[in-house]
PDB file of N, CA and C in Angstrom:
ATOM      1  N   MET A   1     -29.938-135.667  99.762  1.00  0.00           N
ATOM      2  CA  MET A   1     -29.123-136.640  99.347  1.00  0.00           C
ATOM      3  C   MET A   1     -29.957-138.076 100.272  1.00  0.00           C
ATOM      4  N   GLU A   2     -30.311-137.990 100.750  1.00  0.00           N
ATOM      5  CA  GLU A   2     -31.105-139.576 101.779  1.00  0.00           C
ATOM      6  C   GLU A   2     -32.396-139.433 101.586  1.00  0.00           C
ATOM      7  N   ASP A   3     -33.267-137.723 100.634  1.00  0.00           N
ATOM      8  CA  ASP A   3     -34.464-138.074 100.168  1.00  0.00           C
ATOM      9  C   ASP A   3     -34.980-139.347  99.492  1.00  0.00           C
ATOM     10  N   ALA A   4     -33.644-138.930  98.311  1.00  0.00           N
ATOM     11  CA  ALA A   4     -33.570-139.555  96.956  1.00  0.00           C
ATOM     12  C   ALA A   4     -33.162-141.159  97.432  1.00  0.00           C
ATOM     13  N   GLU A   5     -32.287-141.685  98.938  1.00  0.00           N
ATOM     14  CA  GLU A   5     -32.004-142.957  99.090  1.00  0.00           C
ATOM     15  C   GLU A   5     -33.338-143.172  99.872  1.00  0.00           C
ATOM     16  N   HIS A   6     -34.389-142.901 100.564  1.00  0.00           N
ATOM     17  CA  HIS A   6     -35.223-143.267 100.955  1.00  0.00           C
ATOM     18  C   HIS A   6     -36.059-143.874 100.233  1.00  0.00           C
ATOM     19  N   ARG A   7     -36.621-142.648  99.365  1.00  0.00           N
ATOM     20  CA  ARG A   7     -37.509-142.977  97.815  1.00  0.00           C
ATOM     21  C   ARG A   7     -36.749-144.365  96.886  1.00  0.00           C
ATOM     22  N   PHE A   8     -35.545-144.752  96.942  1.00  0.00           N
ATOM     23  CA  PHE A   8     -35.084-145.219  96.040  1.00  0.00           C
ATOM     24  C   PHE A   8     -35.937-146.684  97.471  1.00  0.00           C
ATOM     25  N   ASP A   9     -34.785-146.669  97.846  1.00  0.00           N
ATOM     26  CA  ASP A   9     -35.579-147.883  98.847  1.00  0.00           C
ATOM     27  C   ASP A   9     -37.041-148.556  99.236  1.00  0.00           C
ATOM     28  N   GLN A  10     -37.695-147.572  99.063  1.00  0.00           N
ATOM     29  CA  GLN A  10     -39.040-147.421  99.338  1.00  0.00           C
ATOM     30  C   GLN A  10     -39.655-148.093  98.205  1.00  0.00           C
ATOM     31  N   ILE A  11     -39.184-148.273  97.047  1.00  0.00           N
ATOM     32  CA  ILE A  11     -39.527-148.379  95.894  1.00  0.00           C
ATOM     33  C   ILE A  11     -39.039-149.483  95.601  1.00  0.00           C
ATOM     34  N   HIS A  12     -37.593-149.545  95.503  1.00  0.00           N
ATOM     35  CA  HIS A  12     -36.978-151.020  95.197  1.00  0.00           C
ATOM     36  C   HIS A  12     -36.781-152.011  95.819  1.00  0.00           C
ATOM     37  N   VAL A  13     -36.459-151.526  96.818  1.00  0.00           N
ATOM     38  CA  VAL A  13     -36.088-152.724  98.264  1.00  0.00           C
ATOM     39  C   VAL A  13     -37.264-152.739  99.120  1.00  0.00           C
ATOM     40  N   PHE A  14     -38.001-152.379  99.247  1.00  0.00           N
ATOM     41  CA  PHE A  14     -39.113-152.900  99.842  1.00  0.00           C
ATOM     42  C   PHE A  14     -40.159-153.028  99.147  1.00  0.00           C
ATOM     43  N   LYS A  15     -40.207-152.602  97.579  1.00  0.00           N
ATOM     44  CA  LYS A  15     -40.964-152.629  97.118  1.00  0.00           C
ATOM     45  C   LYS A  15     -42.231-152.268  96.996  1.00  0.00           C
ATOM     46  N   GLY A  16     -42.364-151.080  98.077  1.00  0.00           N
ATOM     47  CA  GLY A  16     -43.551-150.211  98.546  1.00  0.00           C
ATOM     48  C   GLY A  16     -43.833-149.201  97.449  1.00  0.00           C
ATOM     49  N   VAL A  17     -45.126-148.279  98.179  1.00  0.00           N
ATOM     50  CA  VAL A  17     -45.211-146.967  96.980  1.00  0.00           C
ATOM     51  C   VAL A  17     -44.188-146.062  98.019  1.00  0.00           C
ATOM     52  N   PRO A  18     -44.140-145.093  97.181  1.00  0.00           N
ATOM     53  CA  PRO A  18     -43.620-144.204  97.651  1.00  0.00           C
ATOM     54  C   PRO A  18     -44.190-143.086  98.565  1.00  0.00           C
ATOM     55  N   ASP A  19     -43.802-142.206  99.374  1.00  0.00           N
ATOM     56  CA  ASP A  19     -45.066-141.134 100.497  1.00  0.00           C
ATOM     57  C   ASP A  19     -44.956-139.783  99.726  1.00  0.00           C
ATOM     58  N   ASP A  20     -44.480-139.879  98.879  1.00  0.00           N
ATOM     59  CA  ASP A  20     -45.230-138.298  97.785  1.00  0.00           C
ATOM     60  C   ASP A  20     -45.844-138.622  96.716  1.00  0.00           C
ATOM     61  N   VAL A  21     -46.918-139.318  96.710  1.00  0.00           N
ATOM     62  CA  VAL A  21     -47.468-139.968  95.413  1.00  0.00           C
ATOM     63  C   VAL A  21     -48.563-139.143  94.734  1.00  0.00           C
ATOM     64  N   GLU A  22     -48.379-137.923  93.812  1.00  0.00           N
ATOM     65  CA  GLU A  22     -49.171-137.851  92.769  1.00  0.00           C
ATOM     66  C   GLU A  22     -50.802-138.122  92.941  1.00  0.00           C
ATOM     67  N   GLU A  23     -51.583-136.956  93.303  1.00  0.00           N
ATOM     68  CA  GLU A  23     -53.132-137.558  92.831  1.00  0.00           C
ATOM     69  C   GLU A  23     -53.795-137.501  91.483  1.00  0.00           C
ATOM     70  N   LEU A  24     -54.869-138.293  91.351  1.00  0.00           N
ATOM     71  CA  LEU A  24     -55.442-138.641  89.880  1.00  0.00           C
ATOM     72  C   LEU A  24     -56.353-138.417  90.268  1.00  0.00           C
ATOM     73  N   VAL A  25     -57.452-137.505  89.921  1.00  0.00           N
ATOM     74  CA  VAL A  25     -58.826-137.420  89.630  1.00  0.00           C
ATOM     75  C   VAL A  25     -59.436-138.397  88.669  1.00  0.00           C
ATOM     76  N   LEU A  26     -60.344-139.005  88.911  1.00  0.00           N
ATOM     77  CA  LEU A  26     -60.899-140.474  88.317  1.00  0.00           C
ATOM     78  C   LEU A  26     -62.589-139.532  87.549  1.00  0.00           C
ATOM     79  N   TYR A  27     -62.616-138.322  87.923  1.00  0.00           N
ATOM     80  CA  TYR A  27     -63.817-138.323  87.613  1.00  0.00           C
ATOM     81  C   TYR A  27     -64.261-138.455  85.858  1.00  0.00           C
ATOM     82  N   PRO A  28     -62.502-137.048  85.288  1.00  0.00           N
ATOM     83  CA  PRO A  28     -62.795-137.141  83.428  1.00  0.00           C
ATOM     84  C   PRO A  28     -62.743-138.394  82.979  1.00  0.00           C
ATOM     85  N   TYR A  29     -62.205-139.731  83.773  1.00  0.00           N
ATOM     86  CA  TYR A  29     -62.267-140.999  82.689  1.00  0.00           C
ATOM     87  C   TYR A  29     -63.190-141.917  82.863  1.00  0.00           C
ATOM     88  N   MET A  30     -64.488-141.530  83.286  1.00  0.00           N
ATOM     89  CA  MET A  30     -65.809-142.074  83.474  1.00  0.00           C
ATOM     90  C   MET A  30     -66.471-141.819  82.320  1.00  0.00           C
ATOM     91  N   GLY A  31     -66.920-143.719  82.185  1.00  0.00           N
ATOM     92  CA  GLY A  31     -67.992-143.680  81.145  1.00  0.00           C
ATOM     93  C   GLY A  31     -69.174-144.363  81.671  1.00  0.00           C
ATOM     94  N   SER A  32     -70.064-144.625  80.597  1.00  0.00           N
ATOM     95  CA  SER A  32     -71.048-145.764  81.500  1.00  0.00           C
ATOM     96  C   SER A  32     -70.572-146.861  82.071  1.00  0.00           C
ATOM     97  N   ASN A  33     -69.773-147.620  81.215  1.00  0.00           N
ATOM     98  CA  ASN A  33     -69.285-148.440  82.023  1.00  0.00           C
ATOM     99  C   ASN A  33     -68.056-148.521  83.079  1.00  0.00           C
ATOM    100  N   GLY A  34     -68.180-147.440  83.784  1.00  0.00           N
ATOM    101  CA  GLY A  34     -66.682-147.353  84.535  1.00  0.00           C
ATOM    102  C   GLY A  34     -66.073-146.466  84.210  1.00  0.00           C
ATOM    103  N   VAL A  35     -64.462-146.227  85.319  1.00  0.00           N
ATOM    104  CA  VAL A  35     -63.522-145.966  84.407  1.00  0.00           C
ATOM    105  C   VAL A  35     -62.811-146.388  83.184  1.00  0.00           C
ATOM    106  N   HIS A  36     -62.583-146.055  82.493  1.00  0.00           N
ATOM    107  CA  HIS A  36     -61.653-146.713  81.291  1.00  0.00           C
ATOM    108  C   HIS A  36     -60.515-146.748  81.637  1.00  0.00           C
ATOM    109  N   ILE A  37     -59.346-147.585  82.035  1.00  0.00           N
ATOM    110  CA  ILE A  37     -58.004-147.467  82.312  1.00  0.00           C
ATOM    111  C   ILE A  37     -57.034-147.127  81.674  1.00  0.00           C
ATOM    112  N   PRO A  38     -57.308-147.589  80.220  1.00  0.00           N
ATOM    113  CA  PRO A  38     -56.256-147.117  79.117  1.00  0.00           C
ATOM    114  C   PRO A  38     -56.564-145.253  78.980  1.00  0.00           C
ATOM    115  N   LYS A  39     -57.716-144.978  79.312  1.00  0.00           N
ATOM    116  CA  LYS A  39     -57.912-143.682  78.914  1.00  0.00           C
ATOM    117  C   LYS A  39     -57.604-142.994  80.041  1.00  0.00           C
ATOM    118  N   LEU A  40     -57.267-143.424  81.222  1.00  0.00           N
ATOM    119  CA  LEU A  40     -56.752-143.139  82.596  1.00  0.00           C
ATOM    120  C   LEU A  40     -55.558-142.745  82.513  1.00  0.00           C
ATOM    121  N   LEU A  41     -54.906-144.178  81.994  1.00  0.00           N
ATOM    122  CA  LEU A  41     -53.146-143.989  81.879  1.00  0.00           C
ATOM    123  C   LEU A  41     -52.540-143.407  81.072  1.00  0.00           C
ATOM    124  N   GLY A  42     -53.758-143.195  79.255  1.00  0.00           N
ATOM    125  CA  GLY A  42     -53.048-142.125  78.448  1.00  0.00           C
ATOM    126  C   GLY A  42     -52.661-140.360  78.948  1.00  0.00           C
ATOM    127  N   GLN A  43     -53.636-140.436  79.435  1.00  0.00           N
ATOM    128  CA  GLN A  43     -54.128-138.821  79.755  1.00  0.00           C
ATOM    129  C   GLN A  43     -52.969-138.786  81.239  1.00  0.00           C
ATOM    130  N   GLY A  44     -53.604-139.400  82.081  1.00  0.00           N
ATOM    131  CA  GLY A  44     -53.013-139.120  83.569  1.00  0.00           C
ATOM    132  C   GLY A  44     -51.170-139.427  83.401  1.00  0.00           C
ATOM    133  N   PHE A  45     -50.383-140.708  82.851  1.00  0.00           N
ATOM    134  CA  PHE A  45     -49.101-141.184  82.749  1.00  0.00           C
ATOM    135  C   PHE A  45     -48.455-140.334  81.587  1.00  0.00           C
ATOM    136  N   GLY A  46     -49.148-139.519  80.739  1.00  0.00           N
ATOM    137  CA  GLY A  46     -48.964-139.258  79.670  1.00  0.00           C
ATOM    138  C   GLY A  46     -48.501-140.290  78.588  1.00  0.00           C
ATOM    139  N   MET A  47     -48.904-141.239  77.827  1.00  0.00           N
ATOM    140  CA  MET A  47     -48.822-142.293  77.349  1.00  0.00           C
ATOM    141  C   MET A  47     -50.069-142.549  76.234  1.00  0.00           C
ATOM    142  N   SER A  48     -50.198-143.087  74.952  1.00  0.00           N
ATOM    143  CA  SER A  48     -51.089-143.206  74.006  1.00  0.00           C
ATOM    144  C   SER A  48     -51.833-144.444  74.784  1.00  0.00           C
ATOM    145  N   SER A  49     -53.232-144.401  74.325  1.00  0.00           N
ATOM    146  CA  SER A  49     -54.495-145.002  74.758  1.00  0.00           C
ATOM    147  C   SER A  49     -53.933-146.897  73.972  1.00  0.00           C
ATOM    148  N   SER A  50     -53.570-147.127  73.198  1.00  0.00           N
ATOM    149  CA  SER A  50     -52.883-148.409  73.045  1.00  0.00           C
ATOM    150  C   SER A  50     -51.684-148.751  73.644  1.00  0.00           C
ATOM    151  N   GLU A  51     -50.630-147.463  73.633  1.00  0.00           N
ATOM    152  CA  GLU A  51     -49.954-147.991  74.583  1.00  0.00           C
ATOM    153  C   GLU A  51     -50.445-148.261  75.958  1.00  0.00           C
ATOM    154  N   ALA A  52     -51.273-148.055  76.477  1.00  0.00           N
ATOM    155  CA  ALA A  52     -51.506-148.095  77.711  1.00  0.00           C
ATOM    156  C   ALA A  52     -52.376-149.832  77.795  1.00  0.00           C
ATOM    157  N   ARG A  53     -53.316-149.607  76.847  1.00  0.00           N
ATOM    158  CA  ARG A  53     -53.629-151.634  76.525  1.00  0.00           C
ATOM    159  C   ARG A  53     -52.385-152.336  76.553  1.00  0.00           C
ATOM    160  N   ARG A  54     -51.571-151.859  75.778  1.00  0.00           N
ATOM    161  CA  ARG A  54     -50.084-153.069  75.482  1.00  0.00           C
ATOM    162  C   ARG A  54     -49.640-153.310  76.907  1.00  0.00           C
ATOM    163  N   LEU A  55     -49.646-152.206  77.706  1.00  0.00           N
ATOM    164  CA  LEU A  55     -48.817-152.179  78.919  1.00  0.00           C
ATOM    165  C   LEU A  55     -49.933-153.080  79.901  1.00  0.00           C
ATOM    166  N   ILE A  56     -50.881-153.069  80.016  1.00  0.00           N
ATOM    167  CA  ILE A  56     -52.089-153.212  80.633  1.00  0.00           C
ATOM    168  C   ILE A  56     -51.911-155.187  80.951  1.00  0.00           C
ATOM    169  N   GLN A  57     -51.666-155.243  79.208  1.00  0.00           N
ATOM    170  CA  GLN A  57     -51.579-156.843  78.550  1.00  0.00           C
ATOM    171  C   GLN A  57     -50.573-157.510  78.867  1.00  0.00           C
ATOM    172  N   GLN A  58     -49.363-156.691  79.421  1.00  0.00           N
ATOM    173  CA  GLN A  58     -48.059-157.212  79.446  1.00  0.00           C
ATOM    174  C   GLN A  58     -48.054-157.877  80.619  1.00  0.00           C
ATOM    175  N   GLY A  59     -48.982-156.969  81.446  1.00  0.00           N
ATOM    176  CA  GLY A  59     -48.830-157.288  82.913  1.00  0.00           C
ATOM    177  C   GLY A  59     -48.220-156.038  83.784  1.00  0.00           C
ATOM    178  N   ALA A  60     -47.718-154.977  83.037  1.00  0.00           N
ATOM    179  CA  ALA A  60     -47.180-153.858  83.704  1.00  0.00           C
ATOM    180  C   ALA A  60     -47.723-153.141  84.570  1.00  0.00           C
ATOM    181  N   VAL A  61     -49.329-153.128  84.744  1.00  0.00           N
ATOM    182  CA  VAL A  61     -50.368-152.038  85.592  1.00  0.00           C
ATOM    183  C   VAL A  61     -50.381-152.556  86.829  1.00  0.00           C
ATOM    184  N   LYS A  62     -50.540-152.780  87.847  1.00  0.00           N
ATOM    185  CA  LYS A  62     -50.635-152.533  88.887  1.00  0.00           C
ATOM    186  C   LYS A  62     -51.682-151.786  90.230  1.00  0.00           C
ATOM    187  N   LEU A  63     -52.740-152.118  90.602  1.00  0.00           N
ATOM    188  CA  LEU A  63     -53.244-151.809  91.151  1.00  0.00           C
ATOM    189  C   LEU A  63     -53.176-152.222  92.631  1.00  0.00           C
ATOM    190  N   ASP A  64     -52.444-151.207  93.821  1.00  0.00           N
ATOM    191  CA  ASP A  64     -52.607-151.616  95.199  1.00  0.00           C
ATOM    192  C   ASP A  64     -51.348-152.914  94.987  1.00  0.00           C
ATOM    193  N   GLY A  65     -50.262-152.548  94.230  1.00  0.00           N
ATOM    194  CA  GLY A  65     -49.319-154.071  94.046  1.00  0.00           C
ATOM    195  C   GLY A  65     -50.069-155.290  93.148  1.00  0.00           C
ATOM    196  N   GLU A  66     -51.260-155.485  92.981  1.00  0.00           N
ATOM    197  CA  GLU A  66     -51.907-156.500  92.571  1.00  0.00           C
ATOM    198  C   GLU A  66     -51.820-156.184  90.938  1.00  0.00           C
ATOM    199  N   VAL A  67     -51.467-157.113  89.906  1.00  0.00           N
ATOM    200  CA  VAL A  67     -51.586-156.700  88.588  1.00  0.00           C
ATOM    201  C   VAL A  67     -52.973-157.082  87.981  1.00  0.00           C
ATOM    202  N   LEU A  68     -53.115-155.972  87.519  1.00  0.00           N
ATOM    203  CA  LEU A  68     -54.667-155.793  86.439  1.00  0.00           C
ATOM    204  C   LEU A  68     -54.814-156.950  85.650  1.00  0.00           C
ATOM    205  N   PRO A  69     -55.571-157.101  85.452  1.00  0.00           N
ATOM    206  CA  PRO A  69     -56.097-158.414  84.670  1.00  0.00           C
ATOM    207  C   PRO A  69     -55.963-157.874  82.644  1.00  0.00           C
ATOM    208  N   PRO A  70     -55.145-158.375  82.251  1.00  0.00           N
ATOM    209  CA  PRO A  70     -55.065-157.927  80.988  1.00  0.00           C
ATOM    210  C   PRO A  70     -56.344-157.368  79.901  1.00  0.00           C
ATOM    211  N   ASP A  71     -57.459-158.639  80.561  1.00  0.00           N
ATOM    212  CA  ASP A  71     -58.608-158.359  79.705  1.00  0.00           C
ATOM    213  C   ASP A  71     -59.817-156.938  80.740  1.00  0.00           C
ATOM    214  N   ARG A  72     -59.272-156.551  81.404  1.00  0.00           N
ATOM    215  CA  ARG A  72     -60.089-155.676  82.775  1.00  0.00           C
ATOM    216  C   ARG A  72     -59.924-153.983  81.873  1.00  0.00           C
ATOM    217  N   PHE A  73     -60.577-153.119  81.136  1.00  0.00           N
ATOM    218  CA  PHE A  73     -60.371-152.086  80.818  1.00  0.00           C
ATOM    219  C   PHE A  73     -61.162-151.044  81.418  1.00  0.00           C
ATOM    220  N   ASP A  74     -62.116-151.774  81.992  1.00  0.00           N
ATOM    221  CA  ASP A  74     -63.645-150.599  82.441  1.00  0.00           C
ATOM    222  C   ASP A  74     -63.887-151.018  83.865  1.00  0.00           C
ATOM    223  N   ILE A  75     -63.108-149.922  85.170  1.00  0.00           N
ATOM    224  CA  ILE A  75     -63.489-150.152  86.281  1.00  0.00           C
ATOM    225  C   ILE A  75     -64.601-149.604  87.251  1.00  0.00           C
ATOM    226  N   ASP A  76     -65.018-150.388  87.711  1.00  0.00           N
ATOM    227  CA  ASP A  76     -66.484-149.248  88.534  1.00  0.00           C
ATOM    228  C   ASP A  76     -65.343-148.596  90.087  1.00  0.00           C
ATOM    229  N   PRO A  77     -65.498-146.639  89.497  1.00  0.00           N
ATOM    230  CA  PRO A  77     -64.749-146.274  90.319  1.00  0.00           C
ATOM    231  C   PRO A  77     -64.962-146.475  91.571  1.00  0.00           C
ATOM    232  N   ALA A  78     -65.935-146.795  92.465  1.00  0.00           N
ATOM    233  CA  ALA A  78     -66.182-146.773  93.838  1.00  0.00           C
ATOM    234  C   ALA A  78     -64.575-148.085  94.568  1.00  0.00           C
ATOM    235  N   GLU A  79     -64.249-149.021  93.663  1.00  0.00           N
ATOM    236  CA  GLU A  79     -63.058-150.073  93.232  1.00  0.00           C
ATOM    237  C   GLU A  79     -62.156-149.423  93.227  1.00  0.00           C
ATOM    238  N   LEU A  80     -61.915-148.119  92.422  1.00  0.00           N
ATOM    239  CA  LEU A  80     -60.362-147.751  92.159  1.00  0.00           C
ATOM    240  C   LEU A  80     -60.309-146.362  93.662  1.00  0.00           C
ATOM    241  N   ASN A  81     -61.440-146.070  93.600  1.00  0.00           N
ATOM    242  CA  ASN A  81     -60.840-144.629  95.099  1.00  0.00           C
ATOM    243  C   ASN A  81     -60.002-144.866  95.905  1.00  0.00           C
ATOM    244  N   GLY A  82     -59.201-143.724  96.109  1.00  0.00           N
ATOM    245  CA  GLY A  82     -58.223-144.487  97.662  1.00  0.00           C
ATOM    246  C   GLY A  82     -56.789-145.648  97.252  1.00  0.00           C
ATOM    247  N   ARG A  83     -57.276-146.009  95.829  1.00  0.00           N
ATOM    248  CA  ARG A  83     -56.213-146.990  95.602  1.00  0.00           C
ATOM    249  C   ARG A  83     -54.813-146.505  95.170  1.00  0.00           C
ATOM    250  N   THR A  84     -53.681-146.716  94.578  1.00  0.00           N
ATOM    251  CA  THR A  84     -52.050-146.612  93.929  1.00  0.00           C
ATOM    252  C   THR A  84     -52.660-147.545  92.763  1.00  0.00           C
ATOM    253  N   ILE A  85     -52.369-146.730  91.700  1.00  0.00           N
ATOM    254  CA  ILE A  85     -52.089-147.431  90.183  1.00  0.00           C
ATOM    255  C   ILE A  85     -50.408-147.374  89.863  1.00  0.00           C
ATOM    256  N   GLN A  86     -49.904-148.559  89.914  1.00  0.00           N
ATOM    257  CA  GLN A  86     -48.468-148.592  90.006  1.00  0.00           C
ATOM    258  C   GLN A  86     -48.435-148.573  87.836  1.00  0.00           C
ATOM    259  N   VAL A  87     -47.681-148.022  86.793  1.00  0.00           N
ATOM    260  CA  VAL A  87     -46.914-148.573  85.869  1.00  0.00           C
ATOM    261  C   VAL A  87     -45.312-148.306  85.521  1.00  0.00           C
ATOM    262  N   GLY A  88     -45.066-150.021  85.115  1.00  0.00           N
ATOM    263  CA  GLY A  88     -43.936-150.267  85.807  1.00  0.00           C
ATOM    264  C   GLY A  88     -43.105-150.308  86.796  1.00  0.00           C
ATOM    265  N   LYS A  89     -42.109-149.445  87.116  1.00  0.00           N
ATOM    266  CA  LYS A  89     -41.463-149.914  88.612  1.00  0.00           C
ATOM    267  C   LYS A  89     -41.629-148.551  89.270  1.00  0.00           C
ATOM    268  N   ARG A  90     -41.587-147.451  88.279  1.00  0.00           N
ATOM    269  CA  ARG A  90     -41.569-146.083  88.822  1.00  0.00           C
ATOM    270  C   ARG A  90     -42.639-144.990  89.096  1.00  0.00           C
ATOM    271  N   ARG A  91     -43.404-145.446  88.267  1.00  0.00           N
ATOM    272  CA  ARG A  91     -44.551-143.994  87.502  1.00  0.00           C
ATOM    273  C   ARG A  91     -45.965-144.768  88.879  1.00  0.00           C
ATOM    274  N   PHE A  92     -46.490-143.657  89.672  1.00  0.00           N
ATOM    275  CA  PHE A  92     -47.224-144.152  90.984  1.00  0.00           C
ATOM    276  C   PHE A  92     -48.403-142.993  90.363  1.00  0.00           C
ATOM    277  N   LYS A  93     -49.372-143.305  90.868  1.00  0.00           N
ATOM    278  CA  LYS A  93     -50.367-142.330  91.464  1.00  0.00           C
ATOM    279  C   LYS A  93     -51.485-143.020  92.249  1.00  0.00           C
ATOM    280  N   ARG A  94     -52.648-142.056  92.929  1.00  0.00           N
ATOM    281  CA  ARG A  94     -52.926-142.489  93.955  1.00  0.00           C
ATOM    282  C   ARG A  94     -54.186-141.714  93.162  1.00  0.00           C
ATOM    283  N   LEU A  95     -55.606-142.836  92.932  1.00  0.00           N
ATOM    284  CA  LEU A  95     -56.665-142.714  92.507  1.00  0.00           C
ATOM    285  C   LEU A  95     -57.550-141.776  93.482  1.00  0.00           C
ATOM    286  N   VAL A  96     -58.365-140.641  93.071  1.00  0.00           N
ATOM    287  CA  VAL A  96     -59.659-140.111  94.193  1.00  0.00           C
ATOM    288  C   VAL A  96     -60.590-140.087  93.042  1.00  0.00           C
ATOM    289  N   ASP A  97     -61.699-139.905  93.820  1.00  0.00           N
ATOM    290  CA  ASP A  97     -63.182-139.610  93.031  1.00  0.00           C
ATOM    291  C   ASP A  97     -63.632-138.356  93.823  1.00  0.00           C
ATOM    292  N   ALA A  98     -63.283-137.080  93.248  1.00  0.00           N
ATOM    293  CA  ALA A  98     -63.761-136.007  93.752  1.00  0.00           C
ATOM    294  C   ALA A  98     -64.508-135.000  92.838  1.00  0.00           C
ATOM    295  N   ARG A  99     -65.735-136.016  92.985  1.00  0.00           N
ATOM    296  CA  ARG A  99     -66.776-135.409  92.523  1.00  0.00           C
ATOM    297  C   ARG A  99     -67.749-134.411  93.147  1.00  0.00           C
TER     298      ARG A  99
END
């Protein structure tokens, strides 16, 4: 029970990232222009690419706590490595470039 309370406080009270964030490997989502974020969100978080685009445009996707610009769909993998991506209030993944 204490673990659940700690996780809740970490996310909602202190607006932080939980301690037990799952890793998401960037390599499968890389294209010629970098990592395609809608594809990464679609496969990494189990949603469609169109839903991922909509969430990005609505400001619901954050990278290390900063809202992802609504027109930025391709990002250099070096910029993403080691950072945490957040979708909505409760879904987090730590991005790793494991090639």
